[in-house]
Structure formats: structure tokens, C-alpha cells
């Protein structure tokens, strides 16, 4: 699709993204879609993991008209008042006419562009397929993926993961354990580990860890890797940005604001 010379309206981009990601199908923790209308058409766009002040500042420096992120604003159970850091972010975006789009669970779940699909691809995992020849998914919201890799040791798998994600992971399990069947769910899905154990996989990968994951791994024999919430969720926003650029011929750039968590 060719974008008009004066750019693409935020509403037009939202309609396309909502359809692409099937955002209406999700009960989420934050609104998915256009969260702030910057008041102008979009010609240059930035993608990133989180709509932080640092990402907005990078967008301003690059004269971008919009940012599309995985972690947007207005999360459930957070204070609704526009004060402090929330006020600063919103004021900065409004001052520079930057529209903000956030897609949380829809971007985790997409079978091609999603965080889970992209992480599996980056780690060389072959997704298991269901009866309809779609990636097999299970657990809450069917967000956990499963797949296979050539048999390798947990240590070798973790070394490759560290190289691919450029982040040292937390690894729980015997270094010599054979890894062949893997389950994964990016971000903060450490609470879903029991579903992976019940599936009988050799290894469960997510972004963060809780105290009980150590004991669950030791007692079940299912190895556990926490590879970083941010680090595991960089690849969906980048893939989504590439899809936007292909569809609308917009200038799109992924900006990685480093986060050790």
C-alpha cells in the first residue's frame, strides 16, 4: 500500500494494526491500540519495547511522528492520576505531536510477528504444530509455545541463548541435562511454569523469575531459564515495525532502550 505524501493518519494505522493483531480478541491489562493521538499524520515511526521517556526522547531526536510499543500506558490497578512520570511522558508526547500505540497480549500471541514466535525463531526452535497445522500453544490464554531443537545440553542451550539475546540468563538445572523439547513464554510468565511442567518439556523459558521457580525446577526435573523480560520481548516490536514499513512505505526504526530486567 502506498501512503499519501502527507502521511498516514493515526486512526488508519490503528485500524490496520487492530485487524492484523486481532486485538479485540484479548482481555488485557491495558488498552490495545492508539493510546495517545499526537494530532498529526505519520510519516516516520519508531518501535520499541516500552513507551518510556527515554524512547520518546529518541523519537523526538529522529523527528518521528509516532511510537509503537509492546508496553504502553494506563495499566490496570495503577493510579489513574496524570502526575509524576506519567505526566512527564504524556506532556512530552503531546508537545512534540507524537502518537503512542501499545499492543500487549496481541503482540505476544501473533503467530508470525509476536514475541513468542520471534523468540522461538531467534533461538532456532521448531514450533510443534496442532491438528490444524498451527503452532501448538497452551496455558493461560494459550500464550505458551512449545517446540523442539536438536538434542543438546542445558549448558550449550544457555550459551547459545546468551549469544542470541546478548544477555546472561538465569539458568536453573543440571548443566548436562539433555534439552530437546522446550516451552517458552516471553516477559513475566514465570507463574505459568507449572503448565510447562505438566506438558513434560525439558526446559521452560520466560523473561523473569520468582523464588518458587528454583524449587519447581529442582523437584520436577524441568529446567528453567529466565532470559530477561525486556530481552525476550525485543523481537516482536521489531517484526511489527518491519510489517508496518512493508505495508505503508513509512520510515520505521526499532530503538532498543537497554533494560537489565
Protein backbone atom coordinates (compact mmCIF):
# COMPACT_ATOMS: atom_id res chain seq x y z
CA UNK A 1 0.00 0.00 0.00
CA UNK A 2 1.26 3.48 -0.86
CA UNK A 3 0.92 6.09 1.87
CA UNK A 4 -0.22 9.60 0.89
CA UNK A 5 2.60 12.12 0.71
CA UNK A 6 1.30 13.88 3.82
CA UNK A 7 1.49 10.65 5.82
CA UNK A 8 -0.86 8.13 7.40
CA UNK A 9 -3.44 9.14 9.99
CA UNK A 10 -3.08 7.57 13.45
CA UNK A 11 -6.62 6.22 13.14
CA UNK A 12 -5.83 4.48 9.84
CA UNK A 13 -2.76 2.83 11.33
CA UNK A 14 -4.74 1.76 14.40
CA UNK A 15 -7.43 0.13 12.25
CA UNK A 16 -4.83 -1.84 10.32
CA UNK A 17 -2.93 -2.91 13.44
CA UNK A 18 -6.11 -3.90 15.28
CA UNK A 19 -7.09 -6.17 12.41
CA UNK A 20 -3.60 -7.58 11.94
CA UNK A 21 -3.18 -8.42 15.64
CA UNK A 22 -6.84 -9.29 16.32
CA UNK A 23 -6.68 -7.05 19.36
CA UNK A 24 -10.41 -7.27 20.12
CA UNK A 25 -9.98 -10.96 20.97
CA UNK A 26 -7.92 -10.25 24.11
CA UNK A 27 -8.87 -9.39 27.68
CA UNK A 28 -5.76 -7.42 28.55
CA UNK A 29 -4.18 -5.44 31.37
CA UNK A 30 -4.03 -2.21 29.35
CA UNK A 31 -5.81 -0.75 26.31
CA UNK A 32 -4.50 -2.03 22.99
CA UNK A 33 -4.31 0.39 20.09
CA UNK A 34 -3.91 4.15 19.88
CA UNK A 35 -3.32 5.35 23.44
CA UNK A 36 -2.45 8.95 22.63
CA UNK A 37 -3.25 10.87 19.43
CA UNK A 38 -0.38 13.18 18.60
CA UNK A 39 -2.60 15.23 16.30
CA UNK A 40 -0.74 14.78 13.03
CA UNK A 41 -0.25 12.24 10.29
CA UNK A 42 2.55 9.71 10.48
CA UNK A 43 5.50 9.63 8.12
CA UNK A 44 8.28 8.50 10.45
CA UNK A 45 7.70 5.88 13.16
CA UNK A 46 9.71 4.33 16.00
CA UNK A 47 9.11 0.91 17.52
CA UNK A 48 10.37 -0.24 20.90
CA UNK A 49 9.57 -2.41 23.90
CA UNK A 50 8.26 0.27 26.30
CA UNK A 51 6.86 3.79 25.85
CA UNK A 52 9.34 5.20 28.34
CA UNK A 53 10.52 8.78 28.46
CA UNK A 54 13.86 7.65 27.03
CA UNK A 55 12.15 6.10 23.99
CA UNK A 56 10.10 9.26 23.43
CA UNK A 57 13.27 11.34 23.57
CA UNK A 58 14.84 9.11 20.93
CA UNK A 59 11.71 9.51 18.79
CA UNK A 60 11.91 13.29 19.12
CA UNK A 61 15.57 13.26 18.12
CA UNK A 62 14.68 11.29 14.99
CA UNK A 63 11.70 13.57 14.24
CA UNK A 64 9.27 10.66 14.49
CA UNK A 65 5.51 11.15 14.46
CA UNK A 66 4.58 8.01 16.39
CA UNK A 67 5.88 5.17 18.55
CA UNK A 68 4.52 1.62 18.53
CA UNK A 69 5.44 -0.44 21.59
CA UNK A 70 4.65 -3.63 23.47
CA UNK A 71 4.40 -1.94 26.87
CA UNK A 72 2.22 1.14 26.55
CA UNK A 73 0.42 3.11 29.25
CA UNK A 74 -2.68 3.02 31.51
CA UNK A 75 -2.25 -0.38 33.15
CA UNK A 76 -4.99 -1.86 35.32
CA UNK A 77 -4.62 -1.29 39.06
CA UNK A 78 -2.13 1.57 38.64
CA UNK A 79 -3.08 5.03 39.99
CA UNK A 80 -5.15 6.81 37.30
CA UNK A 81 -3.94 10.32 38.10
CA UNK A 82 -1.75 12.04 35.50
CA UNK A 83 1.13 13.00 37.80
CA UNK A 84 4.85 12.33 38.12
CA UNK A 85 6.49 10.20 35.44
CA UNK A 86 3.14 9.54 33.73
CA UNK A 87 2.52 13.27 33.36
CA UNK A 88 6.04 13.83 32.02
CA UNK A 89 5.69 11.13 29.37
CA UNK A 90 2.28 12.33 28.18
CA UNK A 91 3.33 16.01 28.19
CA UNK A 92 6.44 15.21 26.16
CA UNK A 93 4.49 13.24 23.55
CA UNK A 94 1.82 15.95 23.24
CA UNK A 95 4.38 18.75 22.99
CA UNK A 96 6.05 17.08 20.02
CA UNK A 97 2.93 15.65 18.40
CA UNK A 98 3.88 12.00 18.90
CA UNK A 99 1.14 9.38 18.75
CA UNK A 100 1.59 6.39 21.06
CA UNK A 101 0.35 2.90 20.18
CA UNK A 102 0.56 -0.03 22.60
CA UNK A 103 -0.08 -3.72 21.86
CA UNK A 104 0.48 -6.07 24.79
CA UNK A 105 -1.02 -9.58 24.68
CA UNK A 106 -1.91 -9.30 20.96
CA UNK A 107 1.78 -8.81 20.20
CA UNK A 108 2.78 -11.70 22.45
CA UNK A 109 0.36 -14.02 20.70
CA UNK A 110 0.64 -13.30 16.96
CA UNK A 111 1.71 -16.49 15.19
CA UNK A 112 4.24 -14.77 12.92
CA UNK A 113 5.12 -11.33 14.32
CA UNK A 114 4.58 -12.00 18.02
CA UNK A 115 7.19 -12.02 20.75
CA UNK A 116 6.89 -15.78 21.25
CA UNK A 117 7.08 -16.56 17.54
CA UNK A 118 10.07 -14.30 17.09
CA UNK A 119 11.93 -15.56 20.17
CA UNK A 120 11.50 -19.17 19.06
CA UNK A 121 12.81 -18.26 15.63
CA UNK A 122 15.81 -16.47 17.10
CA UNK A 123 16.67 -19.46 19.29
CA UNK A 124 16.33 -21.94 16.42
CA UNK A 125 13.32 -23.73 17.91
CA UNK A 126 10.91 -25.59 15.63
CA UNK A 127 7.35 -24.98 16.87
CA UNK A 128 5.19 -28.01 17.49
CA UNK A 129 2.00 -27.97 15.43
CA UNK A 130 -1.59 -28.69 16.40
CA UNK A 131 -4.16 -30.64 14.37
CA UNK A 132 -4.82 -27.56 12.22
CA UNK A 133 -1.12 -27.16 11.44
CA UNK A 134 -0.90 -24.04 13.58
CA UNK A 135 1.73 -23.56 16.30
CA UNK A 136 0.67 -25.56 19.36
CA UNK A 137 0.00 -23.24 22.30
CA UNK A 138 -1.28 -23.92 25.80
CA UNK A 139 -1.64 -22.46 29.27
CA UNK A 140 -3.47 -19.24 30.25
CA UNK A 141 -4.69 -17.53 27.10
CA UNK A 142 -2.85 -20.15 25.04
CA UNK A 143 0.22 -17.93 25.34
CA UNK A 144 2.83 -20.64 25.99
CA UNK A 145 4.53 -22.10 22.92
CA UNK A 146 6.31 -25.43 22.65
CA UNK A 147 8.91 -26.61 20.18
CA UNK A 148 11.93 -28.76 19.63
CA UNK A 149 15.62 -28.39 18.94
CA UNK A 150 18.41 -30.85 18.15
CA UNK A 151 19.36 -32.62 21.39
CA UNK A 152 21.88 -30.54 23.32
CA UNK A 153 22.96 -29.94 26.90
CA UNK A 154 21.32 -27.27 29.04
CA UNK A 155 24.68 -25.51 29.23
CA UNK A 156 25.07 -25.42 25.46
CA UNK A 157 21.49 -24.23 25.01
CA UNK A 158 22.01 -21.46 27.57
CA UNK A 159 25.28 -20.40 25.92
CA UNK A 160 23.52 -20.05 22.57
CA UNK A 161 20.66 -18.15 24.18
CA UNK A 162 23.11 -15.74 25.78
CA UNK A 163 24.77 -15.16 22.42
CA UNK A 164 21.47 -14.60 20.61
CA UNK A 165 19.92 -12.30 23.21
CA UNK A 166 23.17 -10.61 24.28
CA UNK A 167 22.18 -11.09 27.90
CA UNK A 168 23.38 -13.57 30.53
CA UNK A 169 20.36 -15.64 31.59
CA UNK A 170 19.48 -17.15 34.95
CA UNK A 171 19.66 -20.92 34.48
CA UNK A 172 18.26 -23.50 36.93
CA UNK A 173 19.02 -27.15 36.23
CA UNK A 174 21.86 -29.60 35.71
CA UNK A 175 24.29 -28.28 33.11
CA UNK A 176 24.49 -31.70 31.47
CA UNK A 177 20.71 -32.20 31.24
CA UNK A 178 19.61 -33.05 27.69
CA UNK A 179 17.36 -30.43 26.15
CA UNK A 180 15.21 -31.31 23.17
CA UNK A 181 11.64 -30.22 23.89
CA UNK A 182 11.21 -26.63 25.05
CA UNK A 183 8.29 -24.45 26.18
CA UNK A 184 8.51 -20.68 26.29
CA UNK A 185 6.52 -17.54 27.02
CA UNK A 186 8.21 -14.15 26.90
CA UNK A 187 8.10 -11.45 29.55
CA UNK A 188 6.80 -12.02 33.06
CA UNK A 189 5.37 -15.53 32.66
CA UNK A 190 7.26 -17.25 35.47
CA UNK A 191 3.91 -18.02 37.11
CA UNK A 192 2.98 -20.27 34.16
CA UNK A 193 5.81 -22.74 34.76
CA UNK A 194 3.56 -25.50 36.12
CA UNK A 195 1.75 -25.65 32.78
CA UNK A 196 5.09 -26.31 31.07
CA UNK A 197 5.96 -28.99 33.64
CA UNK A 198 2.60 -30.65 33.01
CA UNK A 199 3.42 -30.76 29.28
CA UNK A 200 6.55 -32.80 30.05
CA UNK A 201 9.05 -30.46 28.39
CA UNK A 202 12.75 -30.48 29.18
CA UNK A 203 13.05 -26.72 29.61
CA UNK A 204 10.82 -23.71 30.26
CA UNK A 205 11.99 -20.24 29.18
CA UNK A 206 10.49 -16.91 30.19
CA UNK A 207 11.74 -13.43 30.98
CA UNK A 208 11.60 -13.15 34.76
CA UNK A 209 11.98 -15.46 37.75
CA UNK A 210 10.29 -15.85 41.12
CA UNK A 211 11.63 -17.63 44.17
CA UNK A 212 9.48 -20.71 43.65
CA UNK A 213 10.79 -21.36 40.13
CA UNK A 214 14.03 -22.69 41.57
CA UNK A 215 12.24 -25.31 43.65
CA UNK A 216 9.85 -26.20 40.84
CA UNK A 217 12.78 -26.82 38.50
CA UNK A 218 14.72 -28.89 41.03
CA UNK A 219 11.76 -31.00 42.08
CA UNK A 220 10.18 -31.56 38.66
CA UNK A 221 13.32 -32.05 36.61
CA UNK A 222 12.16 -29.38 34.14
CA UNK A 223 14.99 -26.90 33.67
CA UNK A 224 14.20 -23.18 33.91
CA UNK A 225 15.70 -20.13 32.21
CA UNK A 226 14.86 -16.50 32.95
CA UNK A 227 16.33 -14.66 30.00
CA UNK A 228 15.12 -11.13 30.78
CA UNK A 229 11.68 -9.56 30.40
CA UNK A 230 12.96 -6.87 28.08
CA UNK A 231 15.43 -9.10 26.26
CA UNK A 232 12.80 -11.69 25.34
CA UNK A 233 10.36 -9.04 24.08
CA UNK A 234 12.51 -7.00 21.72
CA UNK A 235 11.79 -9.05 18.63
CA UNK A 236 8.01 -8.71 18.33
CA UNK A 237 8.06 -4.89 18.17
CA UNK A 238 10.85 -5.01 15.61
CA UNK A 239 8.99 -7.53 13.43
CA UNK A 240 5.80 -5.48 13.71
CA UNK A 241 7.69 -2.37 12.63
CA UNK A 242 9.03 -4.20 9.58
CA UNK A 243 5.45 -5.21 8.69
CA UNK A 244 4.27 -1.59 9.01
CA UNK A 245 7.11 -0.40 6.79
CA UNK A 246 6.27 -3.02 4.15
CA UNK A 247 2.55 -2.21 4.20
CA UNK A 248 2.69 1.59 4.17
CA UNK A 249 6.19 2.50 2.95
CA UNK A 250 6.76 4.52 6.11
CA UNK A 251 10.18 5.19 7.61
CA UNK A 252 10.33 2.79 10.58
CA UNK A 253 13.20 2.24 13.03
CA UNK A 254 13.45 -0.05 16.06
CA UNK A 255 15.13 1.58 19.08
CA UNK A 256 16.37 -0.65 21.89
CA UNK A 257 16.43 1.18 25.23
CA UNK A 258 18.54 -1.16 27.31
CA UNK A 259 16.89 -2.69 30.37
CA UNK A 260 18.64 -5.30 32.57
CA UNK A 261 15.33 -6.75 33.81
